[in-house]
C-alpha atoms as a PDB file:
ATOM      1  CA  MET A   1      -0.098  -0.096  -0.161  1.00  0.00           C
ATOM      2  CA  ARG A   2       1.196   3.760  -0.918  1.00  0.00           C
ATOM      3  CA  VAL A   3       0.231   5.977   2.011  1.00  0.00           C
ATOM      4  CA  LEU A   4       0.073  10.092   2.000  1.00  0.00           C
ATOM      5  CA  SER A   5       0.075  11.248   5.779  1.00  0.00           C
ATOM      6  CA  LEU A   6      -1.004  14.481   5.810  1.00  0.00           C
ATOM      7  CA  PHE A   7      -0.114  15.783   9.652  1.00  0.00           C
ATOM      8  CA  ASP A   8       1.504  12.703  10.062  1.00  0.00           C
ATOM      9  CA  GLY A   9       3.099  14.512  13.416  1.00  0.00           C
ATOM     10  CA  MET A  10       5.614  11.243  15.376  1.00  0.00           C
ATOM     11  CA  SER A  11       4.141   8.972  12.825  1.00  0.00           C
ATOM     12  CA  CYS A  12       1.111   6.745  14.280  1.00  0.00           C
ATOM     13  CA  GLY A  13      -0.275   5.816  11.740  1.00  0.00           C
ATOM     14  CA  ARG A  14       3.008   4.146  10.267  1.00  0.00           C
ATOM     15  CA  ILE A  15       2.575   2.331  13.411  1.00  0.00           C
ATOM     16  CA  ALA A  16      -0.794   1.119  13.987  1.00  0.00           C
ATOM     17  CA  LEU A  17       0.076   0.361   9.661  1.00  0.00           C
ATOM     18  CA  ALA A  18       2.574  -2.249  10.769  1.00  0.00           C
ATOM     19  CA  ARG A  19       0.391  -3.895  13.187  1.00  0.00           C
ATOM     20  CA  ALA A  20      -2.691  -3.888  11.520  1.00  0.00           C
ATOM     21  CA  GLY A  21      -0.593  -6.291   9.499  1.00  0.00           C
ATOM     22  CA  ILE A  22      -0.401  -3.708   6.189  1.00  0.00           C
ATOM     23  CA  GLU A  23       1.874  -3.827   3.877  1.00  0.00           C
ATOM     24  CA  VAL A  24       3.835  -0.450   3.230  1.00  0.00           C
ATOM     25  CA  ALA A  25       5.196  -0.304  -0.268  1.00  0.00           C
ATOM     26  CA  SER A  26       5.473   3.474   0.625  1.00  0.00           C
ATOM     27  CA  TYR A  27       4.773   6.094   2.930  1.00  0.00           C
ATOM     28  CA  HIS A  28       4.898   9.790   2.537  1.00  0.00           C
ATOM     29  CA  ALA A  29       4.430  12.137   5.604  1.00  0.00           C
ATOM     30  CA  SER A  30       3.693  16.280   5.731  1.00  0.00           C
ATOM     31  CA  GLU A  31       4.792  17.782   8.981  1.00  0.00           C
ATOM     32  CA  LEU A  32       6.897  20.708  10.561  1.00  0.00           C
ATOM     33  CA  ASP A  33       7.359  20.305  13.729  1.00  0.00           C
ATOM     34  CA  LYS A  34      11.059  19.152  14.098  1.00  0.00           C
ATOM     35  CA  TYR A  35      10.192  16.542  16.648  1.00  0.00           C
ATOM     36  CA  ALA A  36       8.350  14.525  15.812  1.00  0.00           C
ATOM     37  CA  ILE A  37      10.058  14.406  12.335  1.00  0.00           C
ATOM     38  CA  GLN A  38      13.136  13.072  14.095  1.00  0.00           C
ATOM     39  CA  VAL A  39      11.458  10.325  15.755  1.00  0.00           C
ATOM     40  CA  THR A  40       9.474   9.286  12.217  1.00  0.00           C
ATOM     41  CA  GLN A  41      12.987   9.340  11.221  1.00  0.00           C
ATOM     42  CA  ALA A  42      14.198   7.725  13.467  1.00  0.00           C
ATOM     43  CA  ASN A  43      11.927   4.754  14.095  1.00  0.00           C
ATOM     44  CA  TRP A  44      10.240   4.588  10.438  1.00  0.00           C
ATOM     45  CA  PRO A  45      13.737   6.118   8.000  1.00  0.00           C
ATOM     46  CA  GLU A  46      12.336   4.997   4.866  1.00  0.00           C
ATOM     47  CA  THR A  47       9.328   7.682   5.585  1.00  0.00           C
ATOM     48  CA  VAL A  48       9.847  10.109   2.887  1.00  0.00           C
ATOM     49  CA  GLN A  49       9.144  14.168   4.415  1.00  0.00           C
ATOM     50  CA  LEU A  50       7.179  16.091   2.126  1.00  0.00           C
ATOM     51  CA  GLY A  51       7.492  19.295   4.352  1.00  0.00           C
ATOM     52  CA  ASP A  52       4.075  22.098   4.922  1.00  0.00           C
ATOM     53  CA  VAL A  53       0.841  20.766   4.057  1.00  0.00           C
ATOM     54  CA  THR A  54       0.047  24.610   2.274  1.00  0.00           C
ATOM     55  CA  LYS A  55       2.615  23.470  -0.228  1.00  0.00           C
ATOM     56  CA  TRP A  56       1.080  20.290  -1.932  1.00  0.00           C
ATOM     57  CA  GLN A  57       0.933  21.099  -4.636  1.00  0.00           C
ATOM     58  CA  GLU A  58       4.997  21.285  -5.116  1.00  0.00           C
ATOM     59  CA  TRP A  59       5.021  18.412  -3.853  1.00  0.00           C
ATOM     60  CA  ASP A  60       6.557  15.451  -6.290  1.00  0.00           C
ATOM     61  CA  ILE A  61       5.040  12.303  -5.459  1.00  0.00           C
ATOM     62  CA  ASP A  62       3.386   9.605  -7.500  1.00  0.00           C
ATOM     63  CA  TRP A  63      -0.839  11.428  -7.538  1.00  0.00           C
ATOM     64  CA  LYS A  64      -2.053   8.353  -8.946  1.00  0.00           C
ATOM     65  CA  GLY A  65      -0.490   5.819  -7.133  1.00  0.00           C
ATOM     66  CA  ILE A  66      -1.461   6.378  -3.513  1.00  0.00           C
ATOM     67  CA  ASP A  67      -3.558   3.993  -2.448  1.00  0.00           C
ATOM     68  CA  LEU A  68      -4.334   5.677   1.358  1.00  0.00           C
ATOM     69  CA  LEU A  69      -4.535   9.215   2.284  1.00  0.00           C
ATOM     70  CA  ILE A  70      -4.549   9.491   6.509  1.00  0.00           C
ATOM     71  CA  GLY A  71      -4.882  12.598   8.313  1.00  0.00           C
ATOM     72  CA  GLY A  72      -5.929  14.623  11.565  1.00  0.00           C
ATOM     73  CA  SER A  73      -6.074  17.922  10.507  1.00  0.00           C
ATOM     74  CA  PRO A  74      -5.733  20.551  13.558  1.00  0.00           C
ATOM     75  CA  CYS A  75      -8.847  20.551  15.931  1.00  0.00           C
ATOM     76  CA  GLN A  76      -8.092  23.710  18.619  1.00  0.00           C
ATOM     77  CA  GLY A  77     -10.735  25.808  16.684  1.00  0.00           C
ATOM     78  CA  PHE A  78     -13.399  22.550  16.811  1.00  0.00           C
ATOM     79  CA  SER A  79     -12.642  21.081  19.977  1.00  0.00           C
ATOM     80  CA  PHE A  80     -15.017  21.717  23.630  1.00  0.00           C
ATOM     81  CA  ALA A  81     -11.497  22.555  25.250  1.00  0.00           C
ATOM     82  CA  GLY A  82     -10.702  25.519  22.742  1.00  0.00           C
ATOM     83  CA  LYS A  83     -12.181  28.044  22.445  1.00  0.00           C
ATOM     84  CA  GLN A  84     -14.273  27.055  19.400  1.00  0.00           C
ATOM     85  CA  LEU A  85     -13.706  29.885  16.890  1.00  0.00           C
ATOM     86  CA  ALA A  86     -14.552  26.647  13.919  1.00  0.00           C
ATOM     87  CA  PHE A  87     -13.189  27.238  10.441  1.00  0.00           C
ATOM     88  CA  ASP A  88     -12.597  30.891  11.387  1.00  0.00           C
ATOM     89  CA  ASP A  89      -9.471  29.744  13.074  1.00  0.00           C
ATOM     90  CA  PRO A  90      -6.851  29.585  10.782  1.00  0.00           C
ATOM     91  CA  ARG A  91      -5.637  25.762  11.740  1.00  0.00           C
ATOM     92  CA  SER A  92      -9.064  24.158  11.711  1.00  0.00           C
ATOM     93  CA  LYS A  93      -8.690  25.761   7.549  1.00  0.00           C
ATOM     94  CA  LEU A  94      -6.560  23.153   7.421  1.00  0.00           C
ATOM     95  CA  PHE A  95      -9.055  20.454   7.500  1.00  0.00           C
ATOM     96  CA  PHE A  96     -10.022  22.131   3.826  1.00  0.00           C
ATOM     97  CA  VAL A  97      -6.430  21.351   2.530  1.00  0.00           C
ATOM     98  CA  TYR A  98      -6.868  17.853   3.602  1.00  0.00           C
ATOM     99  CA  VAL A  99     -10.267  17.645   1.175  1.00  0.00           C
ATOM    100  CA  ASP A 100      -8.485  19.609  -1.716  1.00  0.00           C
ATOM    101  CA  ILE A 101      -5.685  16.946  -1.733  1.00  0.00           C
ATOM    102  CA  LEU A 102      -8.521  14.206  -1.253  1.00  0.00           C
ATOM    103  CA  ASN A 103     -10.086  15.814  -4.602  1.00  0.00           C
ATOM    104  CA  HIS A 104      -7.137  16.124  -6.520  1.00  0.00           C
ATOM    105  CA  ILE A 105      -5.705  11.878  -5.997  1.00  0.00           C
ATOM    106  CA  LYS A 106      -9.826  10.805  -6.685  1.00  0.00           C
ATOM    107  CA  ALA A 107      -9.017  12.250  -9.717  1.00  0.00           C
ATOM    108  CA  LEU A 108      -6.947  10.598 -11.055  1.00  0.00           C
ATOM    109  CA  ASN A 109      -7.676   7.634  -8.331  1.00  0.00           C
ATOM    110  CA  PRO A 110     -11.227   6.534  -7.779  1.00  0.00           C
ATOM    111  CA  ARG A 111     -10.465   4.211  -5.858  1.00  0.00           C
ATOM    112  CA  VAL A 112      -8.072   5.367  -2.832  1.00  0.00           C
ATOM    113  CA  LYS A 113      -9.236   4.963   0.647  1.00  0.00           C
ATOM    114  CA  PHE A 114      -9.306   7.041   3.335  1.00  0.00           C
ATOM    115  CA  MET A 115      -9.268   8.155   7.072  1.00  0.00           C
ATOM    116  CA  LEU A 116      -9.537  11.725   8.598  1.00  0.00           C
ATOM    117  CA  GLU A 117      -9.433  11.797  12.887  1.00  0.00           C
ATOM    118  CA  ASN A 118     -10.813  15.078  14.418  1.00  0.00           C
ATOM    119  CA  VAL A 119     -11.998  15.864  17.819  1.00  0.00           C
ATOM    120  CA  ARG A 120     -15.328  16.043  19.666  1.00  0.00           C
ATOM    121  CA  MET A 121     -16.922  19.178  17.740  1.00  0.00           C
ATOM    122  CA  LYS A 122     -20.902  20.657  17.358  1.00  0.00           C
ATOM    123  CA  LYS A 123     -22.924  19.057  15.707  1.00  0.00           C
ATOM    124  CA  GLU A 124     -22.551  21.707  12.744  1.00  0.00           C
ATOM    125  CA  TYR A 125     -19.161  21.395  11.698  1.00  0.00           C
ATOM    126  CA  LEU A 126     -19.533  17.520  11.546  1.00  0.00           C
ATOM    127  CA  ALA A 127     -22.353  18.335   9.428  1.00  0.00           C
ATOM    128  CA  ILE A 128     -19.815  20.219   7.152  1.00  0.00           C
ATOM    129  CA  ILE A 129     -16.800  17.651   7.242  1.00  0.00           C
ATOM    130  CA  SER A 130     -19.343  14.678   6.664  1.00  0.00           C
ATOM    131  CA  ASP A 131     -20.829  16.440   3.483  1.00  0.00           C
ATOM    132  CA  LEU A 132     -17.465  17.123   2.078  1.00  0.00           C
ATOM    133  CA  LEU A 133     -15.739  13.847   2.467  1.00  0.00           C
ATOM    134  CA  GLU A 134     -19.500  12.375   1.587  1.00  0.00           C
ATOM    135  CA  VAL A 135     -19.233  10.462   4.762  1.00  0.00           C
ATOM    136  CA  GLY A 136     -20.651   9.813   7.769  1.00  0.00           C
ATOM    137  CA  PRO A 137     -18.192   9.677  11.497  1.00  0.00           C
ATOM    138  CA  VAL A 138     -18.145   7.236  13.652  1.00  0.00           C
ATOM    139  CA  PHE A 139     -17.248   8.426  16.961  1.00  0.00           C
ATOM    140  CA  ILE A 140     -14.803   6.060  19.211  1.00  0.00           C
ATOM    141  CA  ASN A 141     -13.879   6.626  23.186  1.00  0.00           C
ATOM    142  CA  SER A 142     -10.067   5.036  23.229  1.00  0.00           C
ATOM    143  CA  ASN A 143     -10.637   4.140  26.640  1.00  0.00           C
ATOM    144  CA  LEU A 144     -12.155   0.782  25.053  1.00  0.00           C
ATOM    145  CA  VAL A 145      -8.525   0.221  23.902  1.00  0.00           C
ATOM    146  CA  SER A 146      -6.446   1.701  26.265  1.00  0.00           C
ATOM    147  CA  ALA A 147      -6.231   3.236  30.097  1.00  0.00           C
ATOM    148  CA  GLN A 148      -6.610   6.555  28.251  1.00  0.00           C
ATOM    149  CA  ASN A 149      -9.853   8.908  27.719  1.00  0.00           C
ATOM    150  CA  ARG A 150     -10.220  10.350  24.649  1.00  0.00           C
ATOM    151  CA  GLN A 151     -13.203  10.884  22.561  1.00  0.00           C
ATOM    152  CA  ARG A 152     -13.156  11.229  18.653  1.00  0.00           C
ATOM    153  CA  PHE A 153     -14.224  11.100  15.058  1.00  0.00           C
ATOM    154  CA  TYR A 154     -12.945   8.884  12.797  1.00  0.00           C
ATOM    155  CA  TRP A 155     -14.406   9.363   9.050  1.00  0.00           C
ATOM    156  CA  ALA A 156     -13.475   6.861   6.678  1.00  0.00           C
ATOM    157  CA  ASN A 157     -14.621   5.546   3.023  1.00  0.00           C
ATOM    158  CA  TRP A 158     -14.734   1.855   4.775  1.00  0.00           C
ATOM    159  CA  ASP A 159     -16.562   0.558   6.753  1.00  0.00           C
ATOM    160  CA  PHE A 160     -15.776  -0.375  10.467  1.00  0.00           C
ATOM    161  CA  LYS A 161     -17.543  -0.735  13.719  1.00  0.00           C
ATOM    162  CA  THR A 162     -16.388   1.017  17.054  1.00  0.00           C
ATOM    163  CA  PRO A 163     -13.875  -2.127  18.903  1.00  0.00           C
ATOM    164  CA  LYS A 164     -14.826  -3.961  21.625  1.00  0.00           C
ATOM    165  CA  ASP A 165     -13.586  -3.293  25.564  1.00  0.00           C
ATOM    166  CA  LYS A 166     -10.510  -4.466  26.580  1.00  0.00           C
ATOM    167  CA  ARG A 167     -11.256  -3.174  29.899  1.00  0.00           C
ATOM    168  CA  ILE A 168      -7.216  -1.655  30.673  1.00  0.00           C
ATOM    169  CA  ALA A 169      -7.476   0.351  33.706  1.00  0.00           C
ATOM    170  CA  LEU A 170      -4.638   2.808  34.563  1.00  0.00           C
ATOM    171  CA  ASN A 171      -3.345   0.221  36.793  1.00  0.00           C
ATOM    172  CA  ASP A 172      -2.451  -1.711  34.110  1.00  0.00           C
ATOM    173  CA  ILE A 173      -0.279   0.666  32.028  1.00  0.00           C
ATOM    174  CA  LEU A 174       1.934   2.011  35.645  1.00  0.00           C
ATOM    175  CA  LEU A 175       5.365   1.835  35.921  1.00  0.00           C
ATOM    176  CA  SER A 176       6.742  -0.440  39.023  1.00  0.00           C
ATOM    177  CA  ASP A 177       9.898   1.013  38.721  1.00  0.00           C
ATOM    178  CA  TYR A 178      11.497   5.181  37.674  1.00  0.00           C
ATOM    179  CA  ASP A 179      13.354   8.141  38.298  1.00  0.00           C
ATOM    180  CA  ASP A 180      12.545  10.357  41.851  1.00  0.00           C
ATOM    181  CA  ASN A 181      12.287  12.738  39.351  1.00  0.00           C
ATOM    182  CA  PHE A 182       8.954  12.421  38.565  1.00  0.00           C
ATOM    183  CA  ASN A 183       7.986  12.757  41.973  1.00  0.00           C
ATOM    184  CA  VAL A 184       5.652  15.904  43.052  1.00  0.00           C
ATOM    185  CA  SER A 185       7.349  18.310  44.961  1.00  0.00           C
ATOM    186  CA  ASP A 186       6.477  20.336  48.353  1.00  0.00           C
ATOM    187  CA  ARG A 187       6.453  23.224  46.636  1.00  0.00           C
ATOM    188  CA  GLN A 188       4.456  21.962  43.832  1.00  0.00           C
ATOM    189  CA  LEU A 189       2.227  19.774  45.665  1.00  0.00           C
ATOM    190  CA  GLU A 190       0.902  23.377  47.755  1.00  0.00           C
ATOM    191  CA  ARG A 191       0.195  25.353  44.198  1.00  0.00           C
ATOM    192  CA  ILE A 192      -2.271  22.371  43.680  1.00  0.00           C
ATOM    193  CA  SER A 193      -3.828  22.059  47.530  1.00  0.00           C
ATOM    194  CA  THR A 194      -4.223  25.873  46.430  1.00  0.00           C
ATOM    195  CA  ASN A 195      -5.972  25.796  43.653  1.00  0.00           C
ATOM    196  CA  GLY A 196      -8.296  23.680  45.173  1.00  0.00           C
ATOM    197  CA  LEU A 197      -7.388  21.104  42.874  1.00  0.00           C
ATOM    198  CA  LEU A 198      -7.397  17.612  45.033  1.00  0.00           C
ATOM    199  CA  ASP A 199     -10.795  17.960  45.217  1.00  0.00           C
ATOM    200  CA  GLY A 200     -11.072  16.697  41.526  1.00  0.00           C
ATOM    201  CA  GLY A 201      -9.140  19.235  39.301  1.00  0.00           C
ATOM    202  CA  ALA A 202      -9.990  18.436  35.870  1.00  0.00           C
ATOM    203  CA  ARG A 203      -6.376  17.525  34.586  1.00  0.00           C
ATOM    204  CA  VAL A 204      -5.242  15.411  37.380  1.00  0.00           C
ATOM    205  CA  CYS A 205      -5.965  11.679  38.094  1.00  0.00           C
ATOM    206  CA  PHE A 206      -5.128  10.550  41.034  1.00  0.00           C
ATOM    207  CA  GLN A 207      -3.811   6.869  41.577  1.00  0.00           C
ATOM    208  CA  SER A 208      -2.830   4.349  44.451  1.00  0.00           C
ATOM    209  CA  PRO A 209      -2.124   0.924  43.823  1.00  0.00           C
ATOM    210  CA  SER A 210      -4.826   0.081  46.537  1.00  0.00           C
ATOM    211  CA  GLN A 211      -7.296   1.831  43.779  1.00  0.00           C
ATOM    212  CA  ASN A 212      -9.100   0.562  40.292  1.00  0.00           C
ATOM    213  CA  VAL A 213      -8.553   4.282  39.169  1.00  0.00           C
ATOM    214  CA  THR A 214     -10.018   2.761  35.629  1.00  0.00           C
ATOM    215  CA  LYS A 215      -9.387   6.042  33.476  1.00  0.00           C
ATOM    216  CA  SER A 216      -6.269   9.327  32.898  1.00  0.00           C
ATOM    217  CA  GLU A 217      -8.173  11.793  31.667  1.00  0.00           C
ATOM    218  CA  CYS A 218      -7.480  12.652  27.830  1.00  0.00           C
ATOM    219  CA  LEU A 219      -4.010  13.570  27.371  1.00  0.00           C
ATOM    220  CA  GLN A 220      -2.854  16.483  25.455  1.00  0.00           C
ATOM    221  CA  ALA A 221      -0.195  18.863  23.355  1.00  0.00           C
ATOM    222  CA  ARG A 222      -0.034  21.428  26.390  1.00  0.00           C
ATOM    223  CA  ASP A 223       0.869  18.678  29.502  1.00  0.00           C
ATOM    224  CA  TYR A 224       4.541  19.177  28.404  1.00  0.00           C
ATOM    225  CA  LYS A 225       4.475  22.782  30.627  1.00  0.00           C
ATOM    226  CA  GLY A 226       3.568  20.560  33.743  1.00  0.00           C
ATOM    227  CA  ILE A 227       2.042  21.236  36.875  1.00  0.00           C
ATOM    228  CA  ALA A 228       2.247  25.249  36.125  1.00  0.00           C
ATOM    229  CA  GLY A 229      -1.353  27.824  36.461  1.00  0.00           C
ATOM    230  CA  ARG A 230      -3.480  25.042  34.792  1.00  0.00           C
ATOM    231  CA  GLN A 231      -1.204  22.849  33.621  1.00  0.00           C
ATOM    232  CA  TYR A 232      -1.160  20.218  34.902  1.00  0.00           C
ATOM    233  CA  PHE A 233       0.118  16.016  34.551  1.00  0.00           C
ATOM    234  CA  THR A 234      -1.621  13.330  34.494  1.00  0.00           C
ATOM    235  CA  VAL A 235      -0.920  11.433  38.049  1.00  0.00           C
ATOM    236  CA  ALA A 236      -0.246   9.270  40.157  1.00  0.00           C
ATOM    237  CA  MET A 237       0.493   7.984  43.652  1.00  0.00           C
ATOM    238  CA  THR A 238       3.261   5.747  44.324  1.00  0.00           C
ATOM    239  CA  ARG A 239       4.944   5.026  47.024  1.00  0.00           C
ATOM    240  CA  GLY A 240       3.037   7.674  49.113  1.00  0.00           C
ATOM    241  CA  ARG A 241       4.185  10.421  46.590  1.00  0.00           C
ATOM    242  CA  LEU A 242       1.707  12.155  43.611  1.00  0.00           C
ATOM    243  CA  ARG A 243       3.395  12.007  40.735  1.00  0.00           C
ATOM    244  CA  LYS A 244       4.188  12.761  37.651  1.00  0.00           C
ATOM    245  CA  LEU A 245       3.482   9.992  34.394  1.00  0.00           C
ATOM    246  CA  THR A 246       6.836   9.019  33.234  1.00  0.00           C
ATOM    247  CA  PRO A 247       6.933   9.545  28.774  1.00  0.00           C
ATOM    248  CA  VAL A 248       6.898   5.652  28.596  1.00  0.00           C
ATOM    249  CA  GLU A 249       3.592   6.070  30.966  1.00  0.00           C
ATOM    250  CA  TYR A 250       2.411   8.578  28.472  1.00  0.00           C
ATOM    251  CA  GLU A 251       3.069   6.014  25.571  1.00  0.00           C
ATOM    252  CA  ARG A 252       1.011   3.418  27.205  1.00  0.00           C
ATOM    253  CA  LEU A 253      -1.928   5.675  26.997  1.00  0.00           C
ATOM    254  CA  GLN A 254      -1.920   5.989  23.768  1.00  0.00           C
ATOM    255  CA  THR A 255      -0.859   2.116  22.899  1.00  0.00           C
ATOM    256  CA  VAL A 256       2.687   3.488  21.055  1.00  0.00           C
ATOM    257  CA  PRO A 257       5.734   1.244  21.657  1.00  0.00           C
ATOM    258  CA  ASP A 258       7.959   1.867  24.638  1.00  0.00           C
ATOM    259  CA  ASN A 259      10.448   3.968  23.757  1.00  0.00           C
ATOM    260  CA  TYR A 260       8.612   4.503  20.907  1.00  0.00           C
ATOM    261  CA  THR A 261       9.724   8.651  20.974  1.00  0.00           C
ATOM    262  CA  ASN A 262      13.183   8.505  23.533  1.00  0.00           C
ATOM    263  CA  HIS A 263      14.824  10.481  20.497  1.00  0.00           C
ATOM    264  CA  VAL A 264      13.865  14.127  21.059  1.00  0.00           C
ATOM    265  CA  SER A 265      13.748  15.004  25.096  1.00  0.00           C
ATOM    266  CA  ASN A 266      10.926  14.329  27.439  1.00  0.00           C
ATOM    267  CA  THR A 267       9.671  17.859  26.658  1.00  0.00           C
ATOM    268  CA  GLN A 268       9.021  16.819  23.132  1.00  0.00           C
ATOM    269  CA  ARG A 269       7.853  13.153  23.790  1.00  0.00           C
ATOM    270  CA  TYR A 270       4.860  14.688  26.429  1.00  0.00           C
ATOM    271  CA  LYS A 271       3.656  17.403  23.605  1.00  0.00           C
ATOM    272  CA  MET A 272       3.256  15.093  20.568  1.00  0.00           C
ATOM    273  CA  LEU A 273       1.974  12.521  22.949  1.00  0.00           C
ATOM    274  CA  GLY A 274      -0.516  14.838  23.587  1.00  0.00           C
ATOM    275  CA  ASN A 275      -1.072  15.695  19.384  1.00  0.00           C
ATOM    276  CA  GLY A 276      -0.724  11.926  18.936  1.00  0.00           C
ATOM    277  CA  TRP A 277      -3.135   8.879  17.836  1.00  0.00           C
ATOM    278  CA  THR A 278      -4.342   6.207  20.220  1.00  0.00           C
ATOM    279  CA  VAL A 279      -2.527   3.603  18.323  1.00  0.00           C
ATOM    280  CA  ASP A 280      -4.690   1.230  19.175  1.00  0.00           C
ATOM    281  CA  VAL A 281      -7.989   2.671  17.881  1.00  0.00           C
ATOM    282  CA  ILE A 282      -6.247   3.172  14.014  1.00  0.00           C
ATOM    283  CA  THR A 283      -5.336  -0.235  13.754  1.00  0.00           C
ATOM    284  CA  HIS A 284      -8.876  -1.521  14.299  1.00  0.00           C
ATOM    285  CA  ILE A 285     -10.047   1.120  11.661  1.00  0.00           C
ATOM    286  CA  PHE A 286      -7.561   0.104   9.629  1.00  0.00           C
ATOM    287  CA  LYS A 287      -8.670  -3.732   9.674  1.00  0.00           C
ATOM    288  CA  GLY A 288     -11.528  -2.737   8.045  1.00  0.00           C
ATOM    289  CA  ILE A 289     -10.231  -1.645   5.053  1.00  0.00           C
ATOM    290  CA  ASN A 290     -11.243  -3.467   2.167  1.00  0.00           C
ATOM    291  CA  TYR A 291      -9.643  -3.454  -0.831  1.00  0.00           C
ATOM    292  CA  GLU A 292     -11.928  -5.031  -3.757  1.00  0.00           C
ATOM    293  CA  SER A 293     -13.732  -1.589  -3.747  1.00  0.00           C
END
């Protein structure tokens, strides 16, 4: 399969294709973040990096040969967690670039498969996206295949259903051994207490080995900022201390292989994992591809 991935990030789609058992003849990726590109190339050195998606008309690729187009266009303008500027947000307007590229490929290869991911949003935004893609979305919460609550919509021109619940709990992915540097300091703990977050802050998820707290909160790109102001890591209670989850635990919440992102700083690892896909959701979707239609 010859794949074109837009807004590729650290190539979660490439992991999912391998996990789904789909042979990849070529994988072209459009991404700007140099750290995400570094992680991709370390894991998949044969990836062809294309650069800025808005310059797609300059790309020297075999458009007719593309079998699968995938991407998750920037979602900040759509998200209920954001300002909901929708298509007025320059980042969300990149969805239309995805559509332009899809239509260009369709004109040359009507059998091309495509998949788009995006966040929970207002019905009117969903309707616009669905009309332009000519397919409706499937809503999937990543908590069915992981220990993370992550609610997303997925559009594809093949049939797939929501995956079965694997019943993975947060306890299942926590490391038994970690560096004490991940412990929340007394000063940070005081800031959390002052803001009343010990009583249930949205970004603080308490977990101890004796509890059966089932899922973490949704990972976000801004988690790299740590415990500052109202930005928080998902945390656990281990060895009697409150601690931040490690990058490996973030990888497990996204069902990414352990240490897949360890080619860059922890700051960048948290950021790209918050931006990434839950790989096992995408794997489930890819397994439904019908090559005959």
